[in-house]
């Protein structure tokens, strides 16, 4: 049975809504993650720190293409870097990124019945 929101309920919901800037940033994060290669990169980095060469080899794509995807992920604050000599190593920015990936993956598995 349909229940129309009262004015009080509507005001409460609107008051609790995230700020427009936060909503826009979250939408941009999901847009960045809409690319399957970037999702694969997140999976690989959820297993540990890797350099561009290793990521490119694992993904079967060129180093420039891998660097392009990593740059986008880094600009969105999803990955971070660590320099060791001439090598740059990538890892997930923090535990929230790991959780975002795991929750999304668990949802897909649940929906597919796996």
PDB file of N, CA and C in Angstrom:
ATOM      1  N   UNK A   1       0.838  -1.176   0.000  1.00  0.00           N
ATOM      2  CA  UNK A   1       0.000   0.000   0.000  1.00  0.00           C
ATOM      3  C   UNK A   1       0.889   1.247   0.000  1.00  0.00           C
ATOM      4  N   UNK A   2       0.541   2.191  -0.816  1.00  0.00           N
ATOM      5  CA  UNK A   2       1.319   3.422  -0.955  1.00  0.00           C
ATOM      6  C   UNK A   2       1.159   4.300   0.277  1.00  0.00           C
ATOM      7  N   UNK A   3       2.284   4.838   0.723  1.00  0.00           N
ATOM      8  CA  UNK A   3       2.292   5.760   1.862  1.00  0.00           C
ATOM      9  C   UNK A   3       2.974   7.050   1.412  1.00  0.00           C
ATOM     10  N   UNK A   4       2.210   8.110   1.318  1.00  0.00           N
ATOM     11  CA  UNK A   4       2.780   9.401   0.932  1.00  0.00           C
ATOM     12  C   UNK A   4       3.616   9.950   2.084  1.00  0.00           C
ATOM     13  N   UNK A   5       4.758  10.508   1.732  1.00  0.00           N
ATOM     14  CA  UNK A   5       5.610  11.121   2.751  1.00  0.00           C
ATOM     15  C   UNK A   5       4.911  12.323   3.376  1.00  0.00           C
ATOM     16  N   UNK A   6       5.079  12.430   4.660  1.00  0.00           N
ATOM     17  CA  UNK A   6       4.594  13.640   5.317  1.00  0.00           C
ATOM     18  C   UNK A   6       5.606  14.743   5.061  1.00  0.00           C
ATOM     19  N   UNK A   7       5.214  15.953   5.300  1.00  0.00           N
ATOM     20  CA  UNK A   7       6.137  17.082   5.126  1.00  0.00           C
ATOM     21  C   UNK A   7       7.337  16.927   6.053  1.00  0.00           C
ATOM     22  N   UNK A   8       7.110  16.448   7.257  1.00  0.00           N
ATOM     23  CA  UNK A   8       8.185  16.253   8.237  1.00  0.00           C
ATOM     24  C   UNK A   8       9.175  15.192   7.753  1.00  0.00           C
ATOM     25  N   UNK A   9       8.651  14.080   7.207  1.00  0.00           N
ATOM     26  CA  UNK A   9       9.519  13.015   6.688  1.00  0.00           C
ATOM     27  C   UNK A   9      10.337  13.511   5.499  1.00  0.00           C
ATOM     28  N   UNK A  10       9.697  14.269   4.618  1.00  0.00           N
ATOM     29  CA  UNK A  10      10.387  14.804   3.442  1.00  0.00           C
ATOM     30  C   UNK A  10      11.506  15.754   3.852  1.00  0.00           C
ATOM     31  N   UNK A  11      11.240  16.629   4.804  1.00  0.00           N
ATOM     32  CA  UNK A  11      12.265  17.567   5.276  1.00  0.00           C
ATOM     33  C   UNK A  11      13.439  16.823   5.893  1.00  0.00           C
ATOM     34  N   UNK A  12      13.135  15.761   6.664  1.00  0.00           N
ATOM     35  CA  UNK A  12      14.195  14.980   7.303  1.00  0.00           C
ATOM     36  C   UNK A  12      15.084  14.316   6.249  1.00  0.00           C
ATOM     37  N   UNK A  13      14.453  13.722   5.230  1.00  0.00           N
ATOM     38  CA  UNK A  13      15.223  13.090   4.155  1.00  0.00           C
ATOM     39  C   UNK A  13      16.101  14.102   3.426  1.00  0.00           C
ATOM     40  N   UNK A  14      15.536  15.245   3.092  1.00  0.00           N
ATOM     41  CA  UNK A  14      16.295  16.270   2.377  1.00  0.00           C
ATOM     42  C   UNK A  14      17.430  16.829   3.226  1.00  0.00           C
ATOM     43  N   UNK A  15      17.196  16.949   4.529  1.00  0.00           N
ATOM     44  CA  UNK A  15      18.235  17.455   5.430  1.00  0.00           C
ATOM     45  C   UNK A  15      19.416  16.486   5.517  1.00  0.00           C
ATOM     46  N   UNK A  16      19.133  15.188   5.421  1.00  0.00           N
ATOM     47  CA  UNK A  16      20.172  14.164   5.536  1.00  0.00           C
ATOM     48  C   UNK A  16      20.895  13.898   4.219  1.00  0.00           C
ATOM     49  N   UNK A  17      20.384  14.444   3.128  1.00  0.00           N
ATOM     50  CA  UNK A  17      21.005  14.207   1.828  1.00  0.00           C
ATOM     51  C   UNK A  17      22.423  14.771   1.817  1.00  0.00           C
ATOM     52  N   UNK A  18      23.361  14.007   1.240  1.00  0.00           N
ATOM     53  CA  UNK A  18      24.741  14.511   1.159  1.00  0.00           C
ATOM     54  C   UNK A  18      24.812  15.831   0.400  1.00  0.00           C
ATOM     55  N   UNK A  19      25.835  16.600   0.713  1.00  0.00           N
ATOM     56  CA  UNK A  19      26.059  17.885   0.043  1.00  0.00           C
ATOM     57  C   UNK A  19      26.248  17.661  -1.460  1.00  0.00           C
ATOM     58  N   UNK A  20      25.828  18.625  -2.277  1.00  0.00           N
ATOM     59  CA  UNK A  20      25.964  18.488  -3.732  1.00  0.00           C
ATOM     60  C   UNK A  20      27.395  18.168  -4.178  1.00  0.00           C
ATOM     61  N   UNK A  21      28.385  18.742  -3.504  1.00  0.00           N
ATOM     62  CA  UNK A  21      29.784  18.481  -3.867  1.00  0.00           C
ATOM     63  C   UNK A  21      30.137  17.016  -3.626  1.00  0.00           C
ATOM     64  N   UNK A  22      29.661  16.455  -2.518  1.00  0.00           N
ATOM     65  CA  UNK A  22      29.932  15.048  -2.207  1.00  0.00           C
ATOM     66  C   UNK A  22      29.229  14.129  -3.201  1.00  0.00           C
ATOM     67  N   UNK A  23      28.009  14.472  -3.567  1.00  0.00           N
ATOM     68  CA  UNK A  23      27.260  13.683  -4.548  1.00  0.00           C
ATOM     69  C   UNK A  23      27.981  13.704  -5.892  1.00  0.00           C
ATOM     70  N   UNK A  24      28.441  14.872  -6.306  1.00  0.00           N
ATOM     71  CA  UNK A  24      29.159  15.002  -7.581  1.00  0.00           C
ATOM     72  C   UNK A  24      30.458  14.206  -7.559  1.00  0.00           C
ATOM     73  N   UNK A  25      31.180  14.252  -6.450  1.00  0.00           N
ATOM     74  CA  UNK A  25      32.442  13.513  -6.347  1.00  0.00           C
ATOM     75  C   UNK A  25      32.197  12.007  -6.375  1.00  0.00           C
ATOM     76  N   UNK A  26      31.161  11.545  -5.704  1.00  0.00           N
ATOM     77  CA  UNK A  26      30.831  10.125  -5.720  1.00  0.00           C
ATOM     78  C   UNK A  26      30.431   9.680  -7.122  1.00  0.00           C
ATOM     79  N   UNK A  27      29.639  10.489  -7.806  1.00  0.00           N
ATOM     80  CA  UNK A  27      29.245  10.171  -9.179  1.00  0.00           C
ATOM     81  C   UNK A  27      30.469  10.096 -10.084  1.00  0.00           C
ATOM     82  N   UNK A  28      31.425  10.998  -9.895  1.00  0.00           N
ATOM     83  CA  UNK A  28      32.659  10.981 -10.689  1.00  0.00           C
ATOM     84  C   UNK A  28      33.475   9.726 -10.385  1.00  0.00           C
ATOM     85  N   UNK A  29      33.507   9.307  -9.124  1.00  0.00           N
ATOM     86  CA  UNK A  29      34.216   8.072  -8.763  1.00  0.00           C
ATOM     87  C   UNK A  29      33.607   6.886  -9.494  1.00  0.00           C
ATOM     88  N   UNK A  30      32.285   6.795  -9.498  1.00  0.00           N
ATOM     89  CA  UNK A  30      31.629   5.693 -10.201  1.00  0.00           C
ATOM     90  C   UNK A  30      31.856   5.787 -11.707  1.00  0.00           C
ATOM     91  N   UNK A  31      31.915   6.994 -12.253  1.00  0.00           N
ATOM     92  CA  UNK A  31      32.203   7.148 -13.686  1.00  0.00           C
ATOM     93  C   UNK A  31      33.595   6.620 -14.010  1.00  0.00           C
ATOM     94  N   UNK A  32      34.564   6.973 -13.164  1.00  0.00           N
ATOM     95  CA  UNK A  32      35.938   6.503 -13.358  1.00  0.00           C
ATOM     96  C   UNK A  32      35.987   4.974 -13.300  1.00  0.00           C
ATOM     97  N   UNK A  33      35.194   4.389 -12.424  1.00  0.00           N
ATOM     98  CA  UNK A  33      35.188   2.936 -12.262  1.00  0.00           C
ATOM     99  C   UNK A  33      34.332   2.220 -13.302  1.00  0.00           C
ATOM    100  N   UNK A  34      33.745   2.962 -14.234  1.00  0.00           N
ATOM    101  CA  UNK A  34      32.920   2.330 -15.261  1.00  0.00           C
ATOM    102  C   UNK A  34      33.762   1.659 -16.343  1.00  0.00           C
ATOM    103  N   UNK A  35      35.063   1.833 -16.300  1.00  0.00           N
ATOM    104  CA  UNK A  35      35.963   1.225 -17.275  1.00  0.00           C
ATOM    105  C   UNK A  35      36.462  -0.118 -16.737  1.00  0.00           C
ATOM    106  N   UNK A  36      36.222  -1.233 -17.455  1.00  0.00           N
ATOM    107  CA  UNK A  36      36.638  -2.553 -16.971  1.00  0.00           C
ATOM    108  C   UNK A  36      38.139  -2.676 -16.676  1.00  0.00           C
ATOM    109  N   UNK A  37      38.979  -2.007 -17.461  1.00  0.00           N
ATOM    110  CA  UNK A  37      40.422  -2.074 -17.205  1.00  0.00           C
ATOM    111  C   UNK A  37      40.752  -1.453 -15.855  1.00  0.00           C
ATOM    112  N   UNK A  38      40.109  -0.361 -15.510  1.00  0.00           N
ATOM    113  CA  UNK A  38      40.368   0.274 -14.211  1.00  0.00           C
ATOM    114  C   UNK A  38      39.885  -0.600 -13.060  1.00  0.00           C
ATOM    115  N   UNK A  39      38.793  -1.305 -13.269  1.00  0.00           N
ATOM    116  CA  UNK A  39      38.315  -2.235 -12.234  1.00  0.00           C
ATOM    117  C   UNK A  39      39.326  -3.364 -12.052  1.00  0.00           C
ATOM    118  N   UNK A  40      39.887  -3.855 -13.159  1.00  0.00           N
ATOM    119  CA  UNK A  40      40.922  -4.896 -13.068  1.00  0.00           C
ATOM    120  C   UNK A  40      42.144  -4.373 -12.317  1.00  0.00           C
ATOM    121  N   UNK A  41      42.523  -3.138 -12.586  1.00  0.00           N
ATOM    122  CA  UNK A  41      43.658  -2.534 -11.879  1.00  0.00           C
ATOM    123  C   UNK A  41      43.370  -2.480 -10.385  1.00  0.00           C
ATOM    124  N   UNK A  42      42.170  -2.065 -10.009  1.00  0.00           N
ATOM    125  CA  UNK A  42      41.820  -2.034  -8.587  1.00  0.00           C
ATOM    126  C   UNK A  42      41.916  -3.421  -7.976  1.00  0.00           C
ATOM    127  N   UNK A  43      41.437  -4.433  -8.706  1.00  0.00           N
ATOM    128  CA  UNK A  43      41.541  -5.795  -8.176  1.00  0.00           C
ATOM    129  C   UNK A  43      43.003  -6.160  -7.949  1.00  0.00           C
ATOM    130  N   UNK A  44      43.835  -5.956  -8.962  1.00  0.00           N
ATOM    131  CA  UNK A  44      45.253  -6.321  -8.838  1.00  0.00           C
ATOM    132  C   UNK A  44      45.913  -5.573  -7.685  1.00  0.00           C
ATOM    133  N   UNK A  45      45.620  -4.291  -7.546  1.00  0.00           N
ATOM    134  CA  UNK A  45      46.219  -3.510  -6.460  1.00  0.00           C
ATOM    135  C   UNK A  45      45.626  -3.876  -5.099  1.00  0.00           C
ATOM    136  N   UNK A  46      44.443  -4.467  -5.088  1.00  0.00           N
ATOM    137  CA  UNK A  46      43.884  -4.927  -3.809  1.00  0.00           C
ATOM    138  C   UNK A  46      44.673  -6.121  -3.279  1.00  0.00           C
ATOM    139  N   UNK A  47      45.448  -6.748  -4.168  1.00  0.00           N
ATOM    140  CA  UNK A  47      46.278  -7.883  -3.770  1.00  0.00           C
ATOM    141  C   UNK A  47      47.666  -7.444  -3.310  1.00  0.00           C
ATOM    142  N   UNK A  48      48.022  -6.192  -3.611  1.00  0.00           N
ATOM    143  CA  UNK A  48      49.316  -5.663  -3.193  1.00  0.00           C
ATOM    144  C   UNK A  48      49.855  -4.634  -4.167  1.00  0.00           C
ATOM    145  N   UNK A  49      50.927  -4.006  -3.749  1.00  0.00           N
ATOM    146  CA  UNK A  49      51.578  -2.941  -4.510  1.00  0.00           C
ATOM    147  C   UNK A  49      52.210  -3.512  -5.785  1.00  0.00           C
ATOM    148  N   UNK A  50      52.068  -2.772  -6.906  1.00  0.00           N
ATOM    149  CA  UNK A  50      52.647  -3.195  -8.182  1.00  0.00           C
ATOM    150  C   UNK A  50      53.161  -1.985  -8.953  1.00  0.00           C
ATOM    151  N   UNK A  51      54.154  -2.223  -9.817  1.00  0.00           N
ATOM    152  CA  UNK A  51      54.655  -1.157 -10.687  1.00  0.00           C
ATOM    153  C   UNK A  51      53.917  -1.202 -12.022  1.00  0.00           C
ATOM    154  N   UNK A  52      54.069  -0.153 -12.817  1.00  0.00           N
ATOM    155  CA  UNK A  52      53.387  -0.045 -14.105  1.00  0.00           C
ATOM    156  C   UNK A  52      53.738  -1.223 -15.004  1.00  0.00           C
ATOM    157  N   UNK A  53      55.009  -1.597 -15.042  1.00  0.00           N
ATOM    158  CA  UNK A  53      55.448  -2.705 -15.894  1.00  0.00           C
ATOM    159  C   UNK A  53      54.691  -3.982 -15.549  1.00  0.00           C
ATOM    160  N   UNK A  54      54.612  -4.307 -14.264  1.00  0.00           N
ATOM    161  CA  UNK A  54      53.919  -5.526 -13.843  1.00  0.00           C
ATOM    162  C   UNK A  54      52.426  -5.453 -14.152  1.00  0.00           C
ATOM    163  N   UNK A  55      51.822  -4.303 -13.901  1.00  0.00           N
ATOM    164  CA  UNK A  55      50.396  -4.141 -14.204  1.00  0.00           C
ATOM    165  C   UNK A  55      50.133  -4.312 -15.699  1.00  0.00           C
ATOM    166  N   UNK A  56      50.956  -3.680 -16.527  1.00  0.00           N
ATOM    167  CA  UNK A  56      50.786  -3.780 -17.979  1.00  0.00           C
ATOM    168  C   UNK A  56      50.898  -5.232 -18.432  1.00  0.00           C
ATOM    169  N   UNK A  57      51.876  -5.933 -17.889  1.00  0.00           N
ATOM    170  CA  UNK A  57      52.080  -7.340 -18.245  1.00  0.00           C
ATOM    171  C   UNK A  57      50.874  -8.183 -17.816  1.00  0.00           C
ATOM    172  N   UNK A  58      50.399  -7.980 -16.610  1.00  0.00           N
ATOM    173  CA  UNK A  58      49.255  -8.749 -16.108  1.00  0.00           C
ATOM    174  C   UNK A  58      47.974  -8.456 -16.890  1.00  0.00           C
ATOM    175  N   UNK A  59      47.806  -7.212 -17.312  1.00  0.00           N
ATOM    176  CA  UNK A  59      46.602  -6.801 -18.034  1.00  0.00           C
ATOM    177  C   UNK A  59      46.679  -7.077 -19.532  1.00  0.00           C
ATOM    178  N   UNK A  60      47.894  -7.281 -20.035  1.00  0.00           N
ATOM    179  CA  UNK A  60      48.070  -7.511 -21.463  1.00  0.00           C
ATOM    180  C   UNK A  60      47.852  -6.261 -22.294  1.00  0.00           C
ATOM    181  N   UNK A  61      48.191  -5.102 -21.712  1.00  0.00           N
ATOM    182  CA  UNK A  61      48.081  -3.836 -22.444  1.00  0.00           C
ATOM    183  C   UNK A  61      49.418  -3.101 -22.354  1.00  0.00           C
ATOM    184  N   UNK A  62      49.579  -2.066 -23.156  1.00  0.00           N
ATOM    185  CA  UNK A  62      50.843  -1.330 -23.184  1.00  0.00           C
ATOM    186  C   UNK A  62      51.064  -0.554 -21.884  1.00  0.00           C
ATOM    187  N   UNK A  63      52.337  -0.236 -21.630  1.00  0.00           N
ATOM    188  CA  UNK A  63      52.653   0.579 -20.457  1.00  0.00           C
ATOM    189  C   UNK A  63      52.028   1.973 -20.552  1.00  0.00           C
ATOM    190  N   UNK A  64      52.053   2.623 -21.735  1.00  0.00           N
ATOM    191  CA  UNK A  64      51.395   3.937 -21.819  1.00  0.00           C
ATOM    192  C   UNK A  64      49.893   3.861 -21.506  1.00  0.00           C
ATOM    193  N   UNK A  65      49.216   2.821 -21.983  1.00  0.00           N
ATOM    194  CA  UNK A  65      47.782   2.669 -21.690  1.00  0.00           C
ATOM    195  C   UNK A  65      47.569   2.436 -20.198  1.00  0.00           C
ATOM    196  N   UNK A  66      48.436   1.627 -19.603  1.00  0.00           N
ATOM    197  CA  UNK A  66      48.348   1.365 -18.159  1.00  0.00           C
ATOM    198  C   UNK A  66      48.571   2.654 -17.383  1.00  0.00           C
ATOM    199  N   UNK A  67      49.581   3.419 -17.776  1.00  0.00           N
ATOM    200  CA  UNK A  67      49.869   4.696 -17.109  1.00  0.00           C
ATOM    201  C   UNK A  67      48.693   5.657 -17.217  1.00  0.00           C
ATOM    202  N   UNK A  68      48.039   5.659 -18.367  1.00  0.00           N
ATOM    203  CA  UNK A  68      46.863   6.516 -18.573  1.00  0.00           C
ATOM    204  C   UNK A  68      45.766   6.166 -17.559  1.00  0.00           C
ATOM    205  N   UNK A  69      45.466   4.885 -17.426  1.00  0.00           N
ATOM    206  CA  UNK A  69      44.433   4.453 -16.477  1.00  0.00           C
ATOM    207  C   UNK A  69      44.844   4.772 -15.044  1.00  0.00           C
ATOM    208  N   UNK A  70      46.101   4.550 -14.714  1.00  0.00           N
ATOM    209  CA  UNK A  70      46.587   4.837 -13.362  1.00  0.00           C
ATOM    210  C   UNK A  70      46.506   6.331 -13.048  1.00  0.00           C
ATOM    211  N   UNK A  71      46.797   7.160 -14.029  1.00  0.00           N
ATOM    212  CA  UNK A  71      46.721   8.613 -13.838  1.00  0.00           C
ATOM    213  C   UNK A  71      45.279   9.024 -13.497  1.00  0.00           C
ATOM    214  N   UNK A  72      44.317   8.456 -14.198  1.00  0.00           N
ATOM    215  CA  UNK A  72      42.907   8.763 -13.929  1.00  0.00           C
ATOM    216  C   UNK A  72      42.518   8.290 -12.532  1.00  0.00           C
ATOM    217  N   UNK A  73      42.930   7.080 -12.167  1.00  0.00           N
ATOM    218  CA  UNK A  73      42.627   6.557 -10.830  1.00  0.00           C
ATOM    219  C   UNK A  73      43.293   7.398  -9.743  1.00  0.00           C
ATOM    220  N   UNK A  74      44.504   7.852 -10.025  1.00  0.00           N
ATOM    221  CA  UNK A  74      45.225   8.670  -9.040  1.00  0.00           C
ATOM    222  C   UNK A  74      44.563  10.043  -8.877  1.00  0.00           C
ATOM    223  N   UNK A  75      44.158  10.648  -9.997  1.00  0.00           N
ATOM    224  CA  UNK A  75      43.503  11.959  -9.939  1.00  0.00           C
ATOM    225  C   UNK A  75      42.195  11.885  -9.148  1.00  0.00           C
ATOM    226  N   UNK A  76      41.560  10.722  -9.160  1.00  0.00           N
ATOM    227  CA  UNK A  76      40.309  10.548  -8.423  1.00  0.00           C
ATOM    228  C   UNK A  76      40.566  10.152  -6.965  1.00  0.00           C
ATOM    229  N   UNK A  77      41.847   9.975  -6.607  1.00  0.00           N
ATOM    230  CA  UNK A  77      42.182   9.642  -5.222  1.00  0.00           C
ATOM    231  C   UNK A  77      41.973   8.180  -4.879  1.00  0.00           C
ATOM    232  N   UNK A  78      41.975   7.315  -5.900  1.00  0.00           N
ATOM    233  CA  UNK A  78      41.755   5.896  -5.654  1.00  0.00           C
ATOM    234  C   UNK A  78      43.054   5.114  -5.501  1.00  0.00           C
ATOM    235  N   UNK A  79      44.128   5.601  -6.112  1.00  0.00           N
ATOM    236  CA  UNK A  79      45.433   4.955  -5.965  1.00  0.00           C
ATOM    237  C   UNK A  79      46.472   5.991  -5.550  1.00  0.00           C
ATOM    238  N   UNK A  80      47.547   5.495  -4.960  1.00  0.00           N
ATOM    239  CA  UNK A  80      48.663   6.363  -4.568  1.00  0.00           C
ATOM    240  C   UNK A  80      49.951   5.739  -5.080  1.00  0.00           C
ATOM    241  N   UNK A  81      51.024   6.524  -5.043  1.00  0.00           N
ATOM    242  CA  UNK A  81      52.307   6.060  -5.562  1.00  0.00           C
ATOM    243  C   UNK A  81      53.381   6.105  -4.487  1.00  0.00           C
ATOM    244  N   UNK A  82      54.405   5.294  -4.753  1.00  0.00           N
ATOM    245  CA  UNK A  82      55.603   5.294  -3.918  1.00  0.00           C
ATOM    246  C   UNK A  82      56.778   5.094  -4.864  1.00  0.00           C
ATOM    247  N   UNK A  83      57.766   5.980  -4.764  1.00  0.00           N
ATOM    248  CA  UNK A  83      58.938   5.886  -5.639  1.00  0.00           C
ATOM    249  C   UNK A  83      60.050   5.123  -4.928  1.00  0.00           C
ATOM    250  N   UNK A  84      60.659   4.219  -5.691  1.00  0.00           N
ATOM    251  CA  UNK A  84      61.829   3.484  -5.204  1.00  0.00           C
ATOM    252  C   UNK A  84      62.849   3.478  -6.336  1.00  0.00           C
ATOM    253  N   UNK A  85      63.856   4.333  -6.218  1.00  0.00           N
ATOM    254  CA  UNK A  85      64.812   4.487  -7.310  1.00  0.00           C
ATOM    255  C   UNK A  85      64.107   5.062  -8.518  1.00  0.00           C
ATOM    256  N   UNK A  86      64.225   4.364  -9.659  1.00  0.00           N
ATOM    257  CA  UNK A  86      63.556   4.819 -10.877  1.00  0.00           C
ATOM    258  C   UNK A  86      62.151   4.236 -11.023  1.00  0.00           C
ATOM    259  N   UNK A  87      61.791   3.330 -10.148  1.00  0.00           N
ATOM    260  CA  UNK A  87      60.484   2.676 -10.245  1.00  0.00           C
ATOM    261  C   UNK A  87      59.436   3.390  -9.402  1.00  0.00           C
ATOM    262  N   UNK A  88      58.217   3.396  -9.921  1.00  0.00           N
ATOM    263  CA  UNK A  88      57.078   3.938  -9.183  1.00  0.00           C
ATOM    264  C   UNK A  88      56.116   2.786  -8.933  1.00  0.00           C
ATOM    265  N   UNK A  89      55.781   2.611  -7.673  1.00  0.00           N
ATOM    266  CA  UNK A  89      54.869   1.541  -7.276  1.00  0.00           C
ATOM    267  C   UNK A  89      53.511   2.132  -6.929  1.00  0.00           C
ATOM    268  N   UNK A  90      52.477   1.425  -7.341  1.00  0.00           N
ATOM    269  CA  UNK A  90      51.101   1.860  -7.109  1.00  0.00           C
ATOM    270  C   UNK A  90      50.429   0.951  -6.098  1.00  0.00           C
ATOM    271  N   UNK A  91      49.563   1.559  -5.295  1.00  0.00           N
ATOM    272  CA  UNK A  91      48.740   0.807  -4.349  1.00  0.00           C
ATOM    273  C   UNK A  91      47.416   1.544  -4.198  1.00  0.00           C
ATOM    274  N   UNK A  92      46.445   0.863  -3.607  1.00  0.00           N
ATOM    275  CA  UNK A  92      45.165   1.520  -3.352  1.00  0.00           C
ATOM    276  C   UNK A  92      45.371   2.600  -2.310  1.00  0.00           C
ATOM    277  N   UNK A  93      44.648   3.700  -2.447  1.00  0.00           N
ATOM    278  CA  UNK A  93      44.865   4.859  -1.583  1.00  0.00           C
ATOM    279  C   UNK A  93      44.609   4.563  -0.117  1.00  0.00           C
ATOM    280  N   UNK A  94      43.544   3.845   0.176  1.00  0.00           N
ATOM    281  CA  UNK A  94      43.256   3.505   1.572  1.00  0.00           C
ATOM    282  C   UNK A  94      42.262   2.350   1.632  1.00  0.00           C
ATOM    283  N   UNK A  95      41.904   1.969   2.827  1.00  0.00           N
ATOM    284  CA  UNK A  95      41.004   0.826   3.034  1.00  0.00           C
ATOM    285  C   UNK A  95      39.611   1.075   2.450  1.00  0.00           C
ATOM    286  N   UNK A  96      39.198   2.336   2.321  1.00  0.00           N
ATOM    287  CA  UNK A  96      37.885   2.629   1.735  1.00  0.00           C
ATOM    288  C   UNK A  96      37.809   2.163   0.284  1.00  0.00           C
ATOM    289  N   UNK A  97      38.908   2.295  -0.447  1.00  0.00           N
ATOM    290  CA  UNK A  97      38.931   1.868  -1.848  1.00  0.00           C
ATOM    291  C   UNK A  97      38.821   0.351  -1.916  1.00  0.00           C
ATOM    292  N   UNK A  98      39.521  -0.339  -1.022  1.00  0.00           N
ATOM    293  CA  UNK A  98      39.430  -1.802  -0.953  1.00  0.00           C
ATOM    294  C   UNK A  98      37.982  -2.199  -0.669  1.00  0.00           C
ATOM    295  N   UNK A  99      37.372  -1.542   0.289  1.00  0.00           N
ATOM    296  CA  UNK A  99      35.988  -1.845   0.674  1.00  0.00           C
ATOM    297  C   UNK A  99      35.015  -1.552  -0.467  1.00  0.00           C
ATOM    298  N   UNK A 100      35.235  -0.456  -1.184  1.00  0.00           N
ATOM    299  CA  UNK A 100      34.396  -0.109  -2.331  1.00  0.00           C
ATOM    300  C   UNK A 100      34.444  -1.222  -3.370  1.00  0.00           C
ATOM    301  N   UNK A 101      35.660  -1.707  -3.672  1.00  0.00           N
ATOM    302  CA  UNK A 101      35.814  -2.784  -4.641  1.00  0.00           C
ATOM    303  C   UNK A 101      35.140  -4.053  -4.136  1.00  0.00           C
ATOM    304  N   UNK A 102      35.418  -4.431  -2.906  1.00  0.00           N
ATOM    305  CA  UNK A 102      34.863  -5.677  -2.353  1.00  0.00           C
ATOM    306  C   UNK A 102      33.338  -5.646  -2.297  1.00  0.00           C
ATOM    307  N   UNK A 103      32.771  -4.535  -1.870  1.00  0.00           N
ATOM    308  CA  UNK A 103      31.303  -4.430  -1.810  1.00  0.00           C
ATOM    309  C   UNK A 103      30.692  -4.549  -3.204  1.00  0.00           C
ATOM    310  N   UNK A 104      31.282  -3.865  -4.167  1.00  0.00           N
ATOM    311  CA  UNK A 104      30.783  -3.946  -5.536  1.00  0.00           C
ATOM    312  C   UNK A 104      30.888  -5.350  -6.089  1.00  0.00           C
ATOM    313  N   UNK A 105      32.020  -5.999  -5.846  1.00  0.00           N
ATOM    314  CA  UNK A 105      32.231  -7.361  -6.342  1.00  0.00           C
ATOM    315  C   UNK A 105      31.275  -8.334  -5.654  1.00  0.00           C
ATOM    316  N   UNK A 106      31.109  -8.215  -4.346  1.00  0.00           N
ATOM    317  CA  UNK A 106      30.168  -9.073  -3.616  1.00  0.00           C
ATOM    318  C   UNK A 106      28.748  -8.897  -4.143  1.00  0.00           C
ATOM    319  N   UNK A 107      28.385  -7.668  -4.471  1.00  0.00           N
ATOM    320  CA  UNK A 107      27.053  -7.392  -5.016  1.00  0.00           C
ATOM    321  C   UNK A 107      26.865  -8.111  -6.357  1.00  0.00           C
ATOM    322  N   UNK A 108      27.870  -8.038  -7.222  1.00  0.00           N
ATOM    323  CA  UNK A 108      27.794  -8.698  -8.527  1.00  0.00           C
ATOM    324  C   UNK A 108      27.671 -10.211  -8.345  1.00  0.00           C
ATOM    325  N   UNK A 109      28.474 -10.782  -7.451  1.00  0.00           N
ATOM    326  CA  UNK A 109      28.398 -12.225  -7.204  1.00  0.00           C
ATOM    327  C   UNK A 109      27.030 -12.618  -6.658  1.00  0.00           C
ATOM    328  N   UNK A 110      26.512 -11.825  -5.751  1.00  0.00           N
ATOM    329  CA  UNK A 110      25.199 -12.102  -5.160  1.00  0.00           C
ATOM    330  C   UNK A 110      24.106 -12.072  -6.229  1.00  0.00           C
ATOM    331  N   UNK A 111      24.140 -11.051  -7.079  1.00  0.00           N
ATOM    332  CA  UNK A 111      23.121 -10.908  -8.120  1.00  0.00           C
ATOM    333  C   UNK A 111      23.213 -12.014  -9.166  1.00  0.00           C
ATOM    334  N   UNK A 112      24.433 -12.502  -9.413  1.00  0.00           N
ATOM    335  CA  UNK A 112      24.597 -13.555 -10.423  1.00  0.00           C
ATOM    336  C   UNK A 112      24.359 -14.944  -9.831  1.00  0.00           C
ATOM    337  N   UNK A 113      24.182 -15.003  -8.513  1.00  0.00           N
ATOM    338  CA  UNK A 113      23.921 -16.285  -7.858  1.00  0.00           C
ATOM    339  C   UNK A 113      25.155 -17.139  -7.658  1.00  0.00           C
ATOM    340  N   UNK A 114      26.325 -16.540  -7.753  1.00  0.00           N
ATOM    341  CA  UNK A 114      27.571 -17.284  -7.590  1.00  0.00           C
ATOM    342  C   UNK A 114      28.004 -17.322  -6.151  1.00  0.00           C
TER     343      UNK A 114
END
